[in-house]
C-alpha cells in the first residue's frame, strides 16, 4: 500500500488533475472512491468535513482539493 491515499468521486475533474500530477511526478497512491465504500466516505468526511475531493492524506498531512501543484 502506498503511503499516500487520495479520496475521490467519479467524474471529478479535480481528481483527474490530481491523478495526472501524481503520475507526472512519479508518485504512488492508493485511491479510495468515497461513493462505493461507507468506511471510505466516513474517512473522507473526517479529513474534509465538507467532503471535498480530491482529498490526499500522506502521513500527518492532509491536502484538500487540487490546483495542479503539490
C-alpha atoms as a PDB file:
ATOM      1  CA  UNK A   1       0.000   0.000   0.000  1.00  0.00           C
ATOM      2  CA  UNK A   2       1.215   3.491  -0.821  1.00  0.00           C
ATOM      3  CA  UNK A   3       1.816   5.929   1.994  1.00  0.00           C
ATOM      4  CA  UNK A   4      -0.468   8.364   0.175  1.00  0.00           C
ATOM      5  CA  UNK A   5      -4.254   7.966  -0.025  1.00  0.00           C
ATOM      6  CA  UNK A   6      -6.445  10.006  -2.362  1.00  0.00           C
ATOM      7  CA  UNK A   7     -10.198  10.134  -1.770  1.00  0.00           C
ATOM      8  CA  UNK A   8     -12.134  10.667  -4.996  1.00  0.00           C
ATOM      9  CA  UNK A   9     -15.598  10.651  -6.551  1.00  0.00           C
ATOM     10  CA  UNK A  10     -16.436   9.583 -10.134  1.00  0.00           C
ATOM     11  CA  UNK A  11     -16.406  12.297 -12.773  1.00  0.00           C
ATOM     12  CA  UNK A  12     -14.411  14.764 -10.660  1.00  0.00           C
ATOM     13  CA  UNK A  13     -12.154  16.837 -12.951  1.00  0.00           C
ATOM     14  CA  UNK A  14     -10.017  17.929  -9.988  1.00  0.00           C
ATOM     15  CA  UNK A  15      -9.449  14.276  -9.077  1.00  0.00           C
ATOM     16  CA  UNK A  16      -8.314  13.593 -12.634  1.00  0.00           C
ATOM     17  CA  UNK A  17      -5.951  16.583 -12.490  1.00  0.00           C
ATOM     18  CA  UNK A  18      -4.523  15.296  -9.206  1.00  0.00           C
ATOM     19  CA  UNK A  19      -4.016  11.839 -10.748  1.00  0.00           C
ATOM     20  CA  UNK A  20      -2.136  13.438 -13.631  1.00  0.00           C
ATOM     21  CA  UNK A  21       0.046  15.454 -11.274  1.00  0.00           C
ATOM     22  CA  UNK A  22       0.852  12.392  -9.161  1.00  0.00           C
ATOM     23  CA  UNK A  23       1.709  10.347 -12.281  1.00  0.00           C
ATOM     24  CA  UNK A  24       3.796  13.163 -13.745  1.00  0.00           C
ATOM     25  CA  UNK A  25       5.802  13.330 -10.528  1.00  0.00           C
ATOM     26  CA  UNK A  26       6.243   9.562 -10.280  1.00  0.00           C
ATOM     27  CA  UNK A  27       4.314   9.305  -7.013  1.00  0.00           C
ATOM     28  CA  UNK A  28       2.387   6.253  -5.845  1.00  0.00           C
ATOM     29  CA  UNK A  29      -1.010   6.461  -4.183  1.00  0.00           C
ATOM     30  CA  UNK A  30      -3.945   4.376  -3.080  1.00  0.00           C
ATOM     31  CA  UNK A  31      -7.235   5.625  -4.459  1.00  0.00           C
ATOM     32  CA  UNK A  32     -10.447   5.393  -2.446  1.00  0.00           C
ATOM     33  CA  UNK A  33     -13.763   6.145  -4.155  1.00  0.00           C
ATOM     34  CA  UNK A  34     -15.910   7.652  -1.399  1.00  0.00           C
ATOM     35  CA  UNK A  35     -19.103   6.753  -3.271  1.00  0.00           C
ATOM     36  CA  UNK A  36     -18.634   2.972  -3.150  1.00  0.00           C
ATOM     37  CA  UNK A  37     -17.480   2.326   0.400  1.00  0.00           C
ATOM     38  CA  UNK A  38     -19.138   3.714   3.539  1.00  0.00           C
ATOM     39  CA  UNK A  39     -15.923   3.475   5.557  1.00  0.00           C
ATOM     40  CA  UNK A  40     -14.012   5.463   2.942  1.00  0.00           C
ATOM     41  CA  UNK A  41     -16.788   8.069   2.866  1.00  0.00           C
ATOM     42  CA  UNK A  42     -16.532   8.413   6.653  1.00  0.00           C
ATOM     43  CA  UNK A  43     -12.761   8.766   6.382  1.00  0.00           C
ATOM     44  CA  UNK A  44     -13.152  11.468   3.724  1.00  0.00           C
ATOM     45  CA  UNK A  45     -15.503  13.469   5.948  1.00  0.00           C
ATOM     46  CA  UNK A  46     -13.103  13.053   8.868  1.00  0.00           C
ATOM     47  CA  UNK A  47     -10.355  14.742   6.825  1.00  0.00           C
ATOM     48  CA  UNK A  48     -12.609  17.130   4.881  1.00  0.00           C
ATOM     49  CA  UNK A  49     -15.855  17.936   6.764  1.00  0.00           C
ATOM     50  CA  UNK A  50     -17.358  19.331   3.527  1.00  0.00           C
ATOM     51  CA  UNK A  51     -16.479  16.154   1.607  1.00  0.00           C
ATOM     52  CA  UNK A  52     -14.248  17.981  -0.876  1.00  0.00           C
ATOM     53  CA  UNK A  53     -12.431  15.755  -3.364  1.00  0.00           C
ATOM     54  CA  UNK A  54      -9.736  15.104  -4.070  1.00  0.00           C
ATOM     55  CA  UNK A  55      -8.505  14.869  -0.504  1.00  0.00           C
ATOM     56  CA  UNK A  56      -4.991  13.495  -0.255  1.00  0.00           C
ATOM     57  CA  UNK A  57      -3.648  12.119   3.016  1.00  0.00           C
ATOM     58  CA  UNK A  58       0.039  11.386   3.470  1.00  0.00           C
ATOM     59  CA  UNK A  59       1.354  10.728   6.947  1.00  0.00           C
ATOM     60  CA  UNK A  60       0.027  13.563   9.091  1.00  0.00           C
ATOM     61  CA  UNK A  61      -0.518  15.928   6.138  1.00  0.00           C
ATOM     62  CA  UNK A  62      -3.902  16.459   4.509  1.00  0.00           C
ATOM     63  CA  UNK A  63      -4.323  18.289   1.195  1.00  0.00           C
ATOM     64  CA  UNK A  64      -7.872  19.194   0.229  1.00  0.00           C
ATOM     65  CA  UNK A  65      -8.582  19.949  -3.417  1.00  0.00           C
ATOM     66  CA  UNK A  66      -6.116  20.200  -6.272  1.00  0.00           C
ATOM     67  CA  UNK A  67      -4.881  23.187  -8.212  1.00  0.00           C
ATOM     68  CA  UNK A  68      -2.296  21.459 -10.370  1.00  0.00           C
ATOM     69  CA  UNK A  69       0.539  21.651  -7.880  1.00  0.00           C
ATOM     70  CA  UNK A  70       1.823  19.650  -4.947  1.00  0.00           C
END
